[in-house]
Amino acid sequence: MQHHEHLAGAELGSIERELYIDATPDVVYEVISDPRHVTEWWPDGATYEAVAGSEGSISFGDCSQGGKLVGFAVVEALPPRSFSFRWTQEPGEAARRGNSLLVTFELEPSGDGTLVRFRETGFREMGWEAAVLEATYLDHANGWEHFLPRLVSYSESVGSRA
């Protein structure tokens, strides 16, 4: 019987990444917060305003063809330093600890570019059983491995046009 290495409990608490982007914090902030930019590197659709307290939704794929629509609520919007939001709650449901995941982007000037600290937390508060927690965590970790490099390259292309 094959032995599967289970992730240590602590590791399922948050996903954290550091990215260096060759673009200014002003440009990067726009790209991570403005729905028109966000849809260029992450969801297919985004309906919200980039201000604290705004509630909306983002979508992946065509919702009439089995795509997914999830709630999106801006928690903090402090240009060009940080942007955070809760997502994955049911659309129309108020986002809170326990029904949504919290994503935070912190931006710091670094040379001519920007150091971005990305963090997604809230997995352990969702009340999922271990197998669901692990599967969802891995699904998100894999998802960000795909989308964050797109954030870097798209920000750099926007920055070079600025």
N, C-alpha and C. Protein backbone atom coordinates (compact mmCIF):
# COMPACT_ATOMS: atom_id res chain seq x y z
N MET A 1 0.83 -1.19 0.00
CA MET A 1 0.00 0.00 0.00
C MET A 1 0.88 1.26 0.00
N GLN A 2 0.53 2.17 -0.86
CA GLN A 2 1.34 3.39 -0.94
C GLN A 2 1.07 4.30 0.25
N HIS A 3 2.13 4.87 0.77
CA HIS A 3 1.97 5.80 1.89
C HIS A 3 1.95 7.22 1.33
N HIS A 4 0.88 7.94 1.61
CA HIS A 4 0.82 9.34 1.18
C HIS A 4 1.29 10.23 2.31
N GLU A 5 2.22 11.11 1.99
CA GLU A 5 2.68 12.07 2.99
C GLU A 5 1.55 13.06 3.20
N HIS A 6 1.02 13.12 4.41
CA HIS A 6 0.01 14.14 4.67
C HIS A 6 0.71 15.42 5.09
N LEU A 7 0.15 16.55 4.66
CA LEU A 7 0.74 17.82 5.03
C LEU A 7 0.56 18.04 6.51
N ALA A 8 1.59 18.58 7.14
CA ALA A 8 1.49 18.88 8.57
C ALA A 8 0.38 19.90 8.78
N GLY A 9 -0.35 19.75 9.88
CA GLY A 9 -1.49 20.63 10.16
C GLY A 9 -1.18 22.09 10.00
N ALA A 10 -0.03 22.53 10.52
CA ALA A 10 0.29 23.96 10.49
C ALA A 10 0.39 24.47 9.05
N GLU A 11 0.84 23.60 8.17
CA GLU A 11 1.05 24.05 6.79
C GLU A 11 -0.26 24.30 6.06
N LEU A 12 -1.35 23.79 6.60
CA LEU A 12 -2.63 24.00 5.93
C LEU A 12 -3.28 25.31 6.37
N GLY A 13 -2.57 26.07 7.20
CA GLY A 13 -3.14 27.32 7.70
C GLY A 13 -3.07 28.46 6.72
N SER A 14 -1.98 28.57 5.97
CA SER A 14 -1.87 29.69 5.04
C SER A 14 -0.95 29.35 3.88
N ILE A 15 -1.20 30.04 2.78
CA ILE A 15 -0.35 29.95 1.59
C ILE A 15 0.37 31.29 1.52
N GLU A 16 1.68 31.26 1.46
CA GLU A 16 2.43 32.51 1.43
C GLU A 16 3.47 32.47 0.33
N ARG A 17 3.58 33.57 -0.40
CA ARG A 17 4.55 33.68 -1.48
C ARG A 17 5.15 35.08 -1.46
N GLU A 18 6.41 35.19 -1.90
CA GLU A 18 7.01 36.51 -2.13
C GLU A 18 7.36 36.60 -3.60
N LEU A 19 7.00 37.72 -4.21
CA LEU A 19 7.26 37.91 -5.63
C LEU A 19 7.98 39.23 -5.82
N TYR A 20 8.92 39.24 -6.75
CA TYR A 20 9.52 40.52 -7.14
C TYR A 20 8.95 40.87 -8.51
N ILE A 21 8.43 42.10 -8.63
CA ILE A 21 7.86 42.54 -9.90
C ILE A 21 8.59 43.78 -10.37
N ASP A 22 9.03 43.75 -11.60
CA ASP A 22 9.78 44.86 -12.19
C ASP A 22 8.79 45.92 -12.68
N ALA A 23 8.08 46.50 -11.73
CA ALA A 23 7.12 47.59 -12.01
C ALA A 23 6.93 48.32 -10.68
N THR A 24 6.49 49.57 -10.74
CA THR A 24 6.36 50.37 -9.52
C THR A 24 5.18 49.89 -8.67
N PRO A 25 5.22 50.18 -7.36
CA PRO A 25 4.08 49.82 -6.50
C PRO A 25 2.75 50.39 -7.01
N ASP A 26 2.78 51.60 -7.59
CA ASP A 26 1.54 52.17 -8.13
C ASP A 26 0.93 51.29 -9.21
N VAL A 27 1.78 50.83 -10.11
CA VAL A 27 1.32 49.96 -11.20
C VAL A 27 0.83 48.63 -10.64
N VAL A 28 1.63 48.02 -9.76
CA VAL A 28 1.27 46.71 -9.21
C VAL A 28 -0.04 46.81 -8.43
N TYR A 29 -0.20 47.89 -7.67
CA TYR A 29 -1.43 48.06 -6.90
C TYR A 29 -2.65 48.07 -7.82
N GLU A 30 -2.55 48.82 -8.91
CA GLU A 30 -3.66 48.87 -9.87
C GLU A 30 -3.98 47.47 -10.40
N VAL A 31 -2.93 46.72 -10.71
CA VAL A 31 -3.10 45.40 -11.32
C VAL A 31 -3.73 44.40 -10.35
N ILE A 32 -3.44 44.53 -9.04
CA ILE A 32 -4.02 43.58 -8.09
C ILE A 32 -5.40 44.02 -7.59
N SER A 33 -5.76 45.30 -7.82
CA SER A 33 -7.00 45.79 -7.22
C SER A 33 -8.09 46.14 -8.23
N ASP A 34 -7.73 46.65 -9.38
CA ASP A 34 -8.72 47.11 -10.36
C ASP A 34 -9.30 45.91 -11.13
N PRO A 35 -10.64 45.72 -11.06
CA PRO A 35 -11.24 44.56 -11.73
C PRO A 35 -10.86 44.43 -13.20
N ARG A 36 -10.66 45.57 -13.88
CA ARG A 36 -10.31 45.50 -15.31
C ARG A 36 -8.93 44.88 -15.52
N HIS A 37 -8.04 45.10 -14.55
CA HIS A 37 -6.72 44.49 -14.62
C HIS A 37 -6.74 43.06 -14.07
N VAL A 38 -7.48 42.87 -12.98
CA VAL A 38 -7.50 41.56 -12.31
C VAL A 38 -7.93 40.45 -13.27
N THR A 39 -8.89 40.77 -14.14
CA THR A 39 -9.38 39.76 -15.09
C THR A 39 -8.35 39.42 -16.17
N GLU A 40 -7.28 40.20 -16.26
CA GLU A 40 -6.23 39.89 -17.23
C GLU A 40 -5.29 38.80 -16.72
N TRP A 41 -5.27 38.58 -15.41
CA TRP A 41 -4.32 37.58 -14.88
C TRP A 41 -4.96 36.54 -13.97
N TRP A 42 -6.22 36.77 -13.51
CA TRP A 42 -6.79 35.80 -12.57
C TRP A 42 -8.18 35.36 -12.99
N PRO A 43 -9.30 35.96 -12.53
CA PRO A 43 -10.61 35.39 -12.91
C PRO A 43 -11.01 35.84 -14.31
N ASP A 44 -12.03 35.20 -14.84
CA ASP A 44 -12.54 35.60 -16.16
C ASP A 44 -13.47 36.79 -16.06
N GLY A 45 -14.12 36.94 -14.91
CA GLY A 45 -15.00 38.08 -14.70
C GLY A 45 -14.83 38.61 -13.29
N ALA A 46 -15.01 39.92 -13.10
CA ALA A 46 -14.89 40.51 -11.76
C ALA A 46 -15.81 41.71 -11.68
N THR A 47 -16.67 41.69 -10.66
CA THR A 47 -17.61 42.79 -10.46
C THR A 47 -17.52 43.25 -9.01
N TYR A 48 -16.76 44.30 -8.78
CA TYR A 48 -16.64 44.89 -7.44
C TYR A 48 -15.94 46.23 -7.63
N GLU A 49 -15.93 47.04 -6.58
CA GLU A 49 -15.15 48.28 -6.60
C GLU A 49 -13.97 48.13 -5.67
N ALA A 50 -12.84 48.69 -6.06
CA ALA A 50 -11.60 48.50 -5.29
C ALA A 50 -11.54 49.44 -4.09
N VAL A 51 -12.60 49.41 -3.28
CA VAL A 51 -12.64 50.21 -2.06
C VAL A 51 -13.08 49.30 -0.91
N ALA A 52 -12.57 49.58 0.29
CA ALA A 52 -12.90 48.76 1.45
C ALA A 52 -14.41 48.70 1.63
N GLY A 53 -14.92 47.51 1.88
CA GLY A 53 -16.36 47.33 2.11
C GLY A 53 -17.14 46.98 0.87
N SER A 54 -16.52 47.12 -0.31
CA SER A 54 -17.24 46.78 -1.54
C SER A 54 -17.46 45.28 -1.62
N GLU A 55 -18.68 44.87 -1.96
CA GLU A 55 -18.98 43.45 -2.11
C GLU A 55 -19.42 43.18 -3.54
N GLY A 56 -18.91 42.12 -4.11
CA GLY A 56 -19.26 41.76 -5.48
C GLY A 56 -18.99 40.29 -5.70
N SER A 57 -18.50 39.97 -6.89
CA SER A 57 -18.21 38.57 -7.20
C SER A 57 -17.15 38.49 -8.27
N ILE A 58 -16.54 37.31 -8.36
CA ILE A 58 -15.64 37.01 -9.47
C ILE A 58 -16.07 35.67 -10.04
N SER A 59 -15.74 35.45 -11.30
CA SER A 59 -16.15 34.21 -11.94
C SER A 59 -15.00 33.58 -12.70
N PHE A 60 -15.07 32.26 -12.78
CA PHE A 60 -14.07 31.47 -13.50
C PHE A 60 -14.81 30.65 -14.53
N GLY A 61 -14.45 30.83 -15.80
CA GLY A 61 -15.15 30.10 -16.85
C GLY A 61 -16.52 30.72 -17.12
N ASP A 62 -17.25 30.10 -18.01
CA ASP A 62 -18.58 30.57 -18.40
C ASP A 62 -19.59 29.94 -17.45
N CYS A 63 -20.26 30.79 -16.66
CA CYS A 63 -21.16 30.27 -15.62
C CYS A 63 -22.33 29.48 -16.20
N SER A 64 -22.68 29.72 -17.46
CA SER A 64 -23.76 28.94 -18.07
C SER A 64 -23.26 27.58 -18.55
N GLN A 65 -21.93 27.42 -18.54
CA GLN A 65 -21.32 26.16 -19.00
C GLN A 65 -20.58 25.46 -17.86
N GLY A 66 -21.09 25.62 -16.64
CA GLY A 66 -20.44 24.93 -15.53
C GLY A 66 -19.30 25.71 -14.89
N GLY A 67 -19.16 26.98 -15.27
CA GLY A 67 -18.15 27.81 -14.62
C GLY A 67 -18.58 28.12 -13.19
N LYS A 68 -17.74 28.85 -12.48
CA LYS A 68 -17.99 29.08 -11.05
C LYS A 68 -18.03 30.57 -10.74
N LEU A 69 -19.08 30.96 -9.99
CA LEU A 69 -19.20 32.34 -9.52
C LEU A 69 -19.03 32.32 -8.01
N VAL A 70 -18.12 33.13 -7.48
CA VAL A 70 -17.94 33.18 -6.03
C VAL A 70 -17.97 34.63 -5.54
N GLY A 71 -18.35 34.78 -4.26
CA GLY A 71 -18.39 36.11 -3.67
C GLY A 71 -16.98 36.69 -3.51
N PHE A 72 -16.92 38.02 -3.51
CA PHE A 72 -15.65 38.74 -3.40
C PHE A 72 -15.95 40.01 -2.62
N ALA A 73 -15.24 40.24 -1.52
CA ALA A 73 -15.48 41.43 -0.70
C ALA A 73 -14.14 42.07 -0.34
N VAL A 74 -14.02 43.36 -0.66
CA VAL A 74 -12.77 44.08 -0.38
C VAL A 74 -12.72 44.40 1.12
N VAL A 75 -11.64 43.98 1.77
CA VAL A 75 -11.46 44.22 3.20
C VAL A 75 -10.69 45.52 3.43
N GLU A 76 -9.58 45.67 2.71
CA GLU A 76 -8.72 46.83 2.90
C GLU A 76 -8.14 47.25 1.57
N ALA A 77 -8.15 48.55 1.31
CA ALA A 77 -7.59 49.08 0.06
C ALA A 77 -6.76 50.31 0.42
N LEU A 78 -5.46 50.14 0.47
CA LEU A 78 -4.55 51.22 0.87
C LEU A 78 -3.48 51.42 -0.20
N PRO A 79 -3.82 52.11 -1.28
CA PRO A 79 -2.84 52.27 -2.36
C PRO A 79 -1.66 53.12 -1.90
N PRO A 80 -0.43 52.80 -2.35
CA PRO A 80 -0.07 51.60 -3.11
C PRO A 80 0.57 50.53 -2.22
N ARG A 81 0.07 50.41 -0.98
CA ARG A 81 0.75 49.57 0.01
C ARG A 81 0.12 48.20 0.22
N SER A 82 -1.21 48.15 0.30
CA SER A 82 -1.81 46.85 0.54
C SER A 82 -3.25 46.78 0.04
N PHE A 83 -3.61 45.56 -0.35
CA PHE A 83 -4.97 45.29 -0.82
C PHE A 83 -5.34 43.92 -0.30
N SER A 84 -6.48 43.82 0.39
CA SER A 84 -6.89 42.51 0.88
C SER A 84 -8.38 42.32 0.64
N PHE A 85 -8.75 41.06 0.49
CA PHE A 85 -10.15 40.74 0.20
C PHE A 85 -10.48 39.36 0.73
N ARG A 86 -11.78 39.14 0.93
CA ARG A 86 -12.28 37.81 1.24
C ARG A 86 -12.98 37.29 0.00
N TRP A 87 -12.84 35.98 -0.24
CA TRP A 87 -13.51 35.40 -1.40
C TRP A 87 -13.88 33.95 -1.11
N THR A 88 -14.59 33.35 -2.01
CA THR A 88 -15.11 31.97 -1.98
C THR A 88 -16.42 31.84 -1.20
N GLN A 89 -16.90 32.91 -0.52
CA GLN A 89 -18.22 32.83 0.09
C GLN A 89 -19.27 32.74 -1.01
N GLU A 90 -20.47 32.27 -0.63
CA GLU A 90 -21.55 32.22 -1.61
C GLU A 90 -21.85 33.64 -2.08
N PRO A 91 -22.05 33.85 -3.39
CA PRO A 91 -22.38 35.19 -3.87
C PRO A 91 -23.59 35.74 -3.12
N GLY A 92 -23.48 36.99 -2.67
CA GLY A 92 -24.59 37.60 -1.95
C GLY A 92 -24.55 37.35 -0.45
N GLU A 93 -23.67 36.46 -0.01
CA GLU A 93 -23.54 36.19 1.42
C GLU A 93 -22.44 37.10 1.99
N ALA A 94 -22.69 37.70 3.14
CA ALA A 94 -21.68 38.59 3.74
C ALA A 94 -20.43 37.77 4.09
N ALA A 95 -19.28 38.27 3.67
CA ALA A 95 -18.03 37.55 3.90
C ALA A 95 -17.60 37.71 5.35
N ARG A 96 -17.20 36.60 5.96
CA ARG A 96 -16.71 36.65 7.34
C ARG A 96 -15.75 35.48 7.53
N ARG A 97 -15.08 35.51 8.67
CA ARG A 97 -14.24 34.39 9.07
C ARG A 97 -15.12 33.14 9.15
N GLY A 98 -14.70 32.06 8.51
CA GLY A 98 -15.46 30.83 8.59
C GLY A 98 -16.29 30.52 7.36
N ASN A 99 -16.54 31.53 6.50
CA ASN A 99 -17.26 31.23 5.25
C ASN A 99 -16.48 31.69 4.03
N SER A 100 -15.26 32.19 4.26
CA SER A 100 -14.50 32.75 3.14
C SER A 100 -13.01 32.69 3.47
N LEU A 101 -12.20 32.85 2.45
CA LEU A 101 -10.75 32.88 2.62
C LEU A 101 -10.27 34.31 2.46
N LEU A 102 -9.24 34.67 3.22
CA LEU A 102 -8.71 36.04 3.21
C LEU A 102 -7.41 36.07 2.42
N VAL A 103 -7.35 36.95 1.42
CA VAL A 103 -6.13 37.14 0.62
C VAL A 103 -5.59 38.53 0.88
N THR A 104 -4.30 38.60 1.16
CA THR A 104 -3.65 39.89 1.40
C THR A 104 -2.44 40.04 0.47
N PHE A 105 -2.38 41.20 -0.18
CA PHE A 105 -1.20 41.57 -0.96
C PHE A 105 -0.56 42.76 -0.26
N GLU A 106 0.71 42.62 0.14
CA GLU A 106 1.44 43.75 0.71
C GLU A 106 2.54 44.13 -0.27
N LEU A 107 2.65 45.42 -0.55
CA LEU A 107 3.59 45.91 -1.56
C LEU A 107 4.65 46.78 -0.90
N GLU A 108 5.88 46.56 -1.32
CA GLU A 108 6.99 47.32 -0.77
C GLU A 108 7.91 47.71 -1.92
N PRO A 109 8.28 49.01 -2.02
CA PRO A 109 9.22 49.39 -3.08
C PRO A 109 10.53 48.63 -2.89
N SER A 110 11.11 48.18 -4.00
CA SER A 110 12.37 47.45 -3.94
C SER A 110 13.16 47.78 -5.19
N GLY A 111 14.18 48.62 -5.04
CA GLY A 111 14.92 49.08 -6.22
C GLY A 111 13.96 49.80 -7.14
N ASP A 112 13.97 49.40 -8.42
CA ASP A 112 13.05 50.02 -9.39
C ASP A 112 11.72 49.30 -9.43
N GLY A 113 11.59 48.26 -8.62
CA GLY A 113 10.38 47.45 -8.71
C GLY A 113 9.64 47.36 -7.39
N THR A 114 8.94 46.24 -7.23
CA THR A 114 8.08 46.06 -6.07
C THR A 114 8.23 44.64 -5.53
N LEU A 115 8.37 44.56 -4.21
CA LEU A 115 8.32 43.26 -3.55
C LEU A 115 6.87 43.05 -3.11
N VAL A 116 6.28 41.94 -3.51
CA VAL A 116 4.89 41.65 -3.16
C VAL A 116 4.88 40.45 -2.21
N ARG A 117 4.25 40.65 -1.06
CA ARG A 117 4.02 39.54 -0.15
C ARG A 117 2.56 39.12 -0.27
N PHE A 118 2.37 37.91 -0.72
CA PHE A 118 1.03 37.37 -0.92
C PHE A 118 0.73 36.37 0.19
N ARG A 119 -0.49 36.44 0.73
CA ARG A 119 -0.87 35.47 1.76
C ARG A 119 -2.35 35.14 1.63
N GLU A 120 -2.68 33.87 1.71
CA GLU A 120 -4.08 33.46 1.74
C GLU A 120 -4.28 32.62 3.00
N THR A 121 -5.24 33.02 3.83
CA THR A 121 -5.50 32.33 5.09
C THR A 121 -7.00 32.09 5.25
N GLY A 122 -7.34 31.33 6.29
CA GLY A 122 -8.74 31.09 6.59
C GLY A 122 -9.19 29.66 6.34
N PHE A 123 -8.28 28.83 5.80
CA PHE A 123 -8.62 27.44 5.48
C PHE A 123 -9.10 26.68 6.72
N ARG A 124 -8.36 26.88 7.82
CA ARG A 124 -8.64 26.09 9.02
C ARG A 124 -9.94 26.53 9.70
N GLU A 125 -10.39 27.75 9.43
CA GLU A 125 -11.60 28.28 10.06
C GLU A 125 -12.88 27.84 9.35
N MET A 126 -12.73 27.16 8.22
CA MET A 126 -13.91 26.83 7.41
C MET A 126 -14.69 25.64 7.96
N GLY A 127 -14.09 24.91 8.91
CA GLY A 127 -14.79 23.79 9.51
C GLY A 127 -14.84 22.54 8.62
N TRP A 128 -13.93 22.49 7.63
CA TRP A 128 -13.91 21.32 6.75
C TRP A 128 -13.26 20.14 7.47
N GLU A 129 -13.64 18.92 7.08
CA GLU A 129 -12.92 17.76 7.58
C GLU A 129 -11.55 17.72 6.92
N ALA A 130 -10.65 16.96 7.52
CA ALA A 130 -9.23 16.98 7.12
C ALA A 130 -9.02 16.77 5.62
N ALA A 131 -9.73 15.80 5.04
CA ALA A 131 -9.50 15.48 3.62
C ALA A 131 -9.92 16.65 2.73
N VAL A 132 -11.02 17.30 3.07
CA VAL A 132 -11.50 18.45 2.29
C VAL A 132 -10.56 19.63 2.47
N LEU A 133 -10.13 19.84 3.71
CA LEU A 133 -9.18 20.92 4.00
C LEU A 133 -7.92 20.74 3.16
N GLU A 134 -7.38 19.53 3.18
CA GLU A 134 -6.14 19.27 2.46
C GLU A 134 -6.33 19.44 0.95
N ALA A 135 -7.42 18.90 0.43
CA ALA A 135 -7.67 18.98 -1.02
C ALA A 135 -7.86 20.43 -1.46
N THR A 136 -8.61 21.20 -0.66
CA THR A 136 -8.86 22.60 -1.03
C THR A 136 -7.58 23.41 -0.94
N TYR A 137 -6.81 23.16 0.13
CA TYR A 137 -5.55 23.87 0.30
C TYR A 137 -4.63 23.61 -0.90
N LEU A 138 -4.51 22.34 -1.28
CA LEU A 138 -3.64 21.99 -2.42
C LEU A 138 -4.15 22.59 -3.71
N ASP A 139 -5.47 22.58 -3.88
CA ASP A 139 -6.09 23.16 -5.06
C ASP A 139 -5.75 24.65 -5.16
N HIS A 140 -5.84 25.36 -4.04
CA HIS A 140 -5.51 26.79 -4.03
C HIS A 140 -4.02 27.02 -4.22
N ALA A 141 -3.19 26.21 -3.54
CA ALA A 141 -1.74 26.36 -3.70
C ALA A 141 -1.36 26.17 -5.17
N ASN A 142 -1.93 25.16 -5.82
CA ASN A 142 -1.66 24.93 -7.25
C ASN A 142 -2.20 26.07 -8.09
N GLY A 143 -3.37 26.57 -7.74
CA GLY A 143 -3.96 27.68 -8.48
C GLY A 143 -3.07 28.91 -8.45
N TRP A 144 -2.59 29.27 -7.25
CA TRP A 144 -1.73 30.45 -7.15
C TRP A 144 -0.40 30.24 -7.85
N GLU A 145 0.10 29.00 -7.88
CA GLU A 145 1.33 28.72 -8.63
C GLU A 145 1.14 29.07 -10.10
N HIS A 146 -0.08 28.93 -10.59
CA HIS A 146 -0.40 29.25 -11.97
C HIS A 146 -0.64 30.75 -12.16
N PHE A 147 -1.42 31.35 -11.24
CA PHE A 147 -1.86 32.73 -11.45
C PHE A 147 -0.84 33.79 -11.03
N LEU A 148 -0.05 33.54 -9.97
CA LEU A 148 0.87 34.58 -9.52
C LEU A 148 1.96 34.90 -10.54
N PRO A 149 2.52 33.91 -11.27
CA PRO A 149 3.46 34.26 -12.34
C PRO A 149 2.80 35.12 -13.43
N ARG A 150 1.51 34.89 -13.66
CA ARG A 150 0.78 35.72 -14.62
C ARG A 150 0.64 37.15 -14.11
N LEU A 151 0.46 37.28 -12.79
CA LEU A 151 0.42 38.61 -12.17
C LEU A 151 1.74 39.34 -12.42
N VAL A 152 2.85 38.63 -12.25
CA VAL A 152 4.17 39.24 -12.44
C VAL A 152 4.33 39.70 -13.89
N SER A 153 4.11 38.81 -14.85
CA SER A 153 4.36 39.17 -16.25
C SER A 153 3.38 40.24 -16.73
N TYR A 154 2.12 40.16 -16.29
CA TYR A 154 1.15 41.17 -16.72
C TYR A 154 1.49 42.54 -16.12
N SER A 155 1.86 42.57 -14.82
CA SER A 155 2.24 43.84 -14.18
C SER A 155 3.43 44.47 -14.91
N GLU A 156 4.39 43.63 -15.29
CA GLU A 156 5.58 44.16 -15.96
C GLU A 156 5.23 44.71 -17.35
N SER A 157 4.27 44.07 -18.02
CA SER A 157 3.87 44.58 -19.34
C SER A 157 3.11 45.91 -19.19
N VAL A 158 2.28 46.04 -18.15
CA VAL A 158 1.57 47.29 -17.90
C VAL A 158 2.57 48.37 -17.51
N GLY A 159 3.54 47.99 -16.65
CA GLY A 159 4.55 48.94 -16.21
C GLY A 159 5.38 49.47 -17.35
N SER A 160 5.67 48.63 -18.33
CA SER A 160 6.51 49.08 -19.45
C SER A 160 5.73 50.01 -20.38
N ARG A 161 4.38 49.98 -20.30
CA ARG A 161 3.59 50.91 -21.11
C ARG A 161 3.34 52.22 -20.38
N ALA A 162 3.54 52.19 -19.05
CA ALA A 162 3.19 53.36 -18.24
C ALA A 162 4.08 54.56 -18.56
